Amino acid sequence: MFTDNHADVYETIYRSRGKDWEQEALDVVAEITAERPEITSLLDVACGTGIHLEQFRRLVEHCEGVEIAEPMLALAAERVPGVPLHRGDMRSFRLDRRFDAVTCMFCSIGYLDTVADMRAAVATMAAHLVPGGVLVIEPWWFPERFIDGYVAGDLSRGPDRTITRVSHSTLVDGKTRMELRFVVADENGISDFTEIEILSLWPEQAYRDALADAGCSVRYVPGGPTGRGLFVGVRS
């Protein structure tokens, strides 16, 4: 999950890894329109810096975003001027309208602590759909697919800045504990920072149950933007 202090570093390193927000938005909208051919409104939950919203608004007439962190909302406001943005917790936000589609991307839901939190978030997102509206959620890894002790490393080299990223993931109390270390070299010298991220490992059935209990059909699409798949729900 992007932090406000290092969002540009994250975005640069993820692009070097092949992440393509433009294509992801196209693919997600294709999944949505497969269920609801005509959509004119979309809400992106946990929108962060607005990097997916920037693409969604090119594809959908009216887009809005929800984000809990004020600094992230400030960055999103710069990126997508004119797009309504709301500060809110994905478990409990309340807006005064419903949408044809609601999205929650980049495994943001995995940062919630408990199954009860996840279920509350799914119910809240589903409540903001019109009947027949489509909810798309990108999950974190399912427990059986998580590799304890997994390590990764990446390098982004540009004309004025070089960034390295290494990570080590372990299983702690049934959750992913991922330690990430970044080194950034530019004209000002060399700096580094470390972040610890905790993500919940919920089974596929837990997501399916949450969507069903929120009044949605459930379809799981393997693969998806980051290999973790997508849940696609349609509200009855």
Protein backbone atom coordinates (compact mmCIF):
# COMPACT_ATOMS: atom_id res chain seq x y z
CA MET A 1 0.00 0.00 0.00
CA PHE A 2 1.44 3.38 -0.97
CA THR A 3 2.44 5.74 1.82
CA ASP A 4 2.19 9.45 1.26
CA ASN A 5 5.93 10.05 1.77
CA HIS A 6 7.11 7.56 -0.84
CA ALA A 7 4.26 7.21 -3.34
CA ASP A 8 6.41 8.32 -6.27
CA VAL A 9 9.12 5.78 -5.35
CA TYR A 10 6.54 2.99 -5.16
CA GLU A 11 4.96 3.90 -8.44
CA THR A 12 8.33 4.02 -10.18
CA ILE A 13 9.47 0.64 -8.87
CA TYR A 14 6.14 -1.04 -9.63
CA ARG A 15 6.21 0.25 -13.20
CA SER A 16 9.71 -1.21 -13.52
CA ARG A 17 8.22 -4.56 -12.42
CA GLY A 18 5.72 -4.35 -15.26
CA LYS A 19 2.68 -3.02 -13.41
CA ASP A 20 0.42 -1.28 -15.91
CA TRP A 21 -2.38 0.69 -14.28
CA GLU A 22 -3.82 1.65 -17.65
CA GLN A 23 -4.23 -1.96 -18.75
CA GLU A 24 -5.53 -2.98 -15.32
CA ALA A 25 -8.28 -0.38 -15.57
CA LEU A 26 -9.21 -1.62 -19.04
CA ASP A 27 -9.32 -5.21 -17.80
CA VAL A 28 -11.40 -4.35 -14.74
CA VAL A 29 -13.90 -2.33 -16.76
CA ALA A 30 -14.14 -5.27 -19.17
CA GLU A 31 -15.04 -7.55 -16.26
CA ILE A 32 -17.63 -5.03 -15.11
CA THR A 33 -19.24 -4.57 -18.51
CA ALA A 34 -19.38 -8.34 -18.98
CA GLU A 35 -21.93 -8.26 -16.17
CA ARG A 36 -23.43 -4.81 -16.78
CA PRO A 37 -22.85 -3.64 -20.36
CA GLU A 38 -23.73 -0.01 -19.74
CA ILE A 39 -22.03 1.72 -16.82
CA THR A 40 -21.91 5.45 -16.25
CA SER A 41 -20.65 5.67 -12.66
CA LEU A 42 -17.82 4.06 -10.69
CA LEU A 43 -16.55 4.40 -7.13
CA ASP A 44 -12.95 3.41 -6.38
CA VAL A 45 -12.53 2.48 -2.71
CA ALA A 46 -9.10 2.82 -1.08
CA CYS A 47 -8.19 4.93 -4.11
CA GLY A 48 -4.85 6.02 -2.63
CA THR A 49 -3.05 8.49 -4.88
CA GLY A 50 -5.73 8.12 -7.55
CA ILE A 51 -3.55 6.17 -9.97
CA HIS A 52 -6.36 3.75 -10.91
CA LEU A 53 -8.94 6.55 -10.81
CA GLU A 54 -6.88 8.44 -13.37
CA GLN A 55 -7.50 5.58 -15.77
CA PHE A 56 -11.08 4.78 -14.74
CA ARG A 57 -12.24 8.32 -15.44
CA ARG A 58 -11.12 7.94 -19.04
CA LEU A 59 -13.38 4.92 -19.39
CA VAL A 60 -16.41 5.77 -17.22
CA GLU A 61 -18.42 8.98 -17.40
CA HIS A 62 -18.58 9.68 -13.66
CA CYS A 63 -15.97 8.47 -11.13
CA GLU A 64 -15.46 9.11 -7.43
CA GLY A 65 -12.95 7.89 -4.86
CA VAL A 66 -12.82 6.99 -1.17
CA GLU A 67 -9.60 6.98 0.87
CA ILE A 68 -8.94 6.97 4.60
CA ALA A 69 -5.59 8.81 4.58
CA GLU A 70 -5.77 12.56 4.11
CA PRO A 71 -2.26 12.90 2.59
CA MET A 72 -3.18 10.31 -0.01
CA LEU A 73 -6.37 12.18 -0.82
CA ALA A 74 -4.32 15.33 -1.32
CA LEU A 75 -2.13 13.51 -3.85
CA ALA A 76 -5.20 12.09 -5.57
CA ALA A 77 -6.76 15.56 -5.80
CA GLU A 78 -3.67 16.73 -7.69
CA ARG A 79 -3.77 13.72 -10.00
CA VAL A 80 -7.49 13.70 -10.79
CA PRO A 81 -8.75 17.29 -10.46
CA GLY A 82 -12.50 17.51 -10.63
CA VAL A 83 -13.09 13.94 -9.47
CA PRO A 84 -15.10 13.90 -6.20
CA LEU A 85 -12.97 12.40 -3.43
CA HIS A 86 -14.18 11.42 0.02
CA ARG A 87 -12.31 10.65 3.21
CA GLY A 88 -13.70 7.45 4.66
CA ASP A 89 -13.00 4.03 6.12
CA MET A 90 -13.87 1.23 3.68
CA ARG A 91 -15.67 -0.58 6.49
CA SER A 92 -18.11 2.21 7.27
CA PHE A 93 -18.16 5.08 4.74
CA ARG A 94 -21.53 6.44 3.68
CA LEU A 95 -22.12 8.45 0.51
CA ASP A 96 -25.37 9.94 -0.72
CA ARG A 97 -25.53 8.03 -3.98
CA ARG A 98 -25.14 4.58 -5.50
CA PHE A 99 -22.96 3.52 -8.41
CA ASP A 100 -23.01 1.14 -11.35
CA ALA A 101 -19.65 -0.22 -10.20
CA VAL A 102 -17.48 -0.20 -7.09
CA THR A 103 -13.83 -1.27 -7.16
CA CYS A 104 -11.25 -2.01 -4.47
CA MET A 105 -7.87 -2.60 -6.09
CA PHE A 106 -4.24 -3.51 -5.37
CA CYS A 107 -5.06 -5.87 -2.48
CA SER A 108 -6.11 -2.92 -0.30
CA ILE A 109 -8.73 -5.04 1.44
CA GLY A 110 -5.94 -7.28 2.77
CA TYR A 111 -4.73 -4.51 5.07
CA LEU A 112 -7.84 -4.95 7.21
CA ASP A 113 -7.22 -6.88 10.42
CA THR A 114 -10.03 -9.42 10.78
CA VAL A 115 -12.59 -11.35 8.77
CA ALA A 116 -15.24 -9.22 10.48
CA ASP A 117 -13.50 -6.10 9.12
CA MET A 118 -13.40 -7.58 5.64
CA ARG A 119 -17.06 -8.54 5.78
CA ALA A 120 -17.99 -5.03 6.95
CA ALA A 121 -16.04 -3.52 4.05
CA VAL A 122 -17.68 -5.81 1.49
CA ALA A 123 -21.13 -5.02 2.89
CA THR A 124 -20.44 -1.28 2.83
CA MET A 125 -19.19 -1.36 -0.75
CA ALA A 126 -22.12 -3.49 -1.90
CA ALA A 127 -24.53 -1.06 -0.23
CA HIS A 128 -23.25 1.63 -2.61
CA LEU A 129 -24.27 -0.33 -5.70
CA VAL A 130 -27.45 0.07 -7.68
CA PRO A 131 -29.38 -3.20 -8.23
CA GLY A 132 -27.40 -5.07 -10.84
CA GLY A 133 -24.30 -3.05 -10.03
CA VAL A 134 -20.89 -4.73 -10.04
CA LEU A 135 -18.36 -4.98 -7.21
CA VAL A 136 -14.74 -5.85 -8.07
CA ILE A 137 -12.31 -6.70 -5.27
CA GLU A 138 -8.65 -7.61 -5.70
CA PRO A 139 -7.72 -9.84 -2.74
CA TRP A 140 -4.42 -10.57 -1.08
CA TRP A 141 -3.05 -14.14 -1.33
CA PHE A 142 -5.14 -17.05 -0.15
CA PRO A 143 -3.39 -18.93 2.70
CA GLU A 144 -2.52 -21.96 0.58
CA ARG A 145 -0.81 -19.79 -2.02
CA PHE A 146 1.34 -17.77 0.37
CA ILE A 147 5.05 -18.73 0.44
CA ASP A 148 6.56 -18.34 3.90
CA GLY A 149 10.02 -16.81 3.64
CA TYR A 150 9.44 -15.46 0.12
CA VAL A 151 12.04 -12.91 -1.03
CA ALA A 152 11.96 -10.54 -4.00
CA GLY A 153 14.16 -7.83 -5.45
CA ASP A 154 13.74 -5.15 -8.08
CA LEU A 155 15.80 -2.41 -9.71
CA SER A 156 14.60 0.70 -11.50
CA ARG A 157 17.28 2.72 -13.30
CA GLY A 158 16.37 6.06 -14.83
CA PRO A 159 18.42 8.97 -16.16
CA ASP A 160 18.30 10.85 -12.86
CA ARG A 161 17.35 8.26 -10.24
CA THR A 162 18.01 4.62 -9.40
CA ILE A 163 15.81 2.70 -6.98
CA THR A 164 16.21 -0.76 -5.50
CA ARG A 165 13.57 -2.67 -3.59
CA VAL A 166 14.01 -5.92 -1.67
CA SER A 167 11.34 -7.69 0.34
CA HIS A 168 11.05 -10.62 2.73
CA SER A 169 7.67 -12.11 3.66
CA THR A 170 6.95 -14.38 6.61
CA LEU A 171 3.92 -15.93 8.22
CA VAL A 172 3.20 -14.36 11.62
CA ASP A 173 0.00 -15.11 13.54
CA GLY A 174 -1.72 -16.23 10.38
CA LYS A 175 -0.88 -13.03 8.48
CA THR A 176 1.73 -11.90 6.00
CA ARG A 177 4.48 -9.82 7.56
CA MET A 178 6.32 -8.21 4.67
CA GLU A 179 9.48 -6.21 5.28
CA LEU A 180 10.42 -3.90 2.42
CA ARG A 181 13.65 -1.97 2.07
CA PHE A 182 14.17 0.73 -0.53
CA VAL A 183 17.36 2.52 -1.55
CA VAL A 184 17.05 5.65 -3.65
CA ALA A 185 20.02 7.32 -5.38
CA ASP A 186 19.61 10.66 -7.12
CA GLU A 187 21.37 14.01 -7.47
CA ASN A 188 20.90 14.66 -3.75
CA GLY A 189 22.71 11.49 -2.70
CA ILE A 190 21.60 8.11 -1.40
CA SER A 191 18.70 7.58 0.98
CA ASP A 192 16.90 4.50 2.23
CA PHE A 193 13.78 3.55 4.12
CA THR A 194 12.18 0.40 5.48
CA GLU A 195 8.50 -0.41 5.83
CA ILE A 196 6.68 -3.28 7.51
CA GLU A 197 3.34 -4.26 6.02
CA ILE A 198 0.86 -6.68 7.58
CA LEU A 199 -1.74 -8.28 5.31
CA SER A 200 -4.44 -10.77 6.22
CA LEU A 201 -4.50 -14.20 4.61
CA TRP A 202 -8.18 -15.08 4.18
CA PRO A 203 -9.36 -18.16 2.29
CA GLU A 204 -11.26 -17.81 -0.96
CA GLN A 205 -14.43 -19.05 0.73
CA ALA A 206 -14.32 -16.20 3.25
CA TYR A 207 -14.51 -13.66 0.42
CA ARG A 208 -17.24 -15.66 -1.32
CA ASP A 209 -19.30 -15.78 1.88
CA ALA A 210 -18.87 -12.06 2.47
CA LEU A 211 -20.06 -11.22 -1.05
CA ALA A 212 -23.00 -13.61 -0.86
CA ASP A 213 -24.07 -12.27 2.52
CA ALA A 214 -23.88 -8.72 1.10
CA GLY A 215 -26.45 -9.72 -1.52
CA CYS A 216 -24.06 -10.30 -4.42
CA SER A 217 -23.46 -13.15 -6.79
CA VAL A 218 -19.83 -14.30 -6.79
CA ARG A 219 -17.41 -14.97 -9.62
CA TYR A 220 -13.67 -15.43 -9.09
CA VAL A 221 -11.33 -14.57 -11.95
CA PRO A 222 -7.89 -16.21 -11.55
CA GLY A 223 -4.77 -14.27 -12.39
CA GLY A 224 -5.93 -10.70 -12.44
CA PRO A 225 -3.65 -7.67 -12.21
CA THR A 226 -1.10 -9.10 -9.76
CA GLY A 227 -1.64 -12.84 -9.91
CA ARG A 228 -4.03 -12.91 -6.97
CA GLY A 229 -7.19 -12.81 -9.05
CA LEU A 230 -10.33 -10.72 -8.83
CA PHE A 231 -13.68 -11.27 -7.17
CA VAL A 232 -16.57 -9.99 -9.27
CA GLY A 233 -19.93 -9.66 -7.57
CA VAL A 234 -23.26 -8.48 -8.94
CA ARG A 235 -25.76 -7.03 -6.50
CA SER A 236 -29.22 -8.52 -6.67
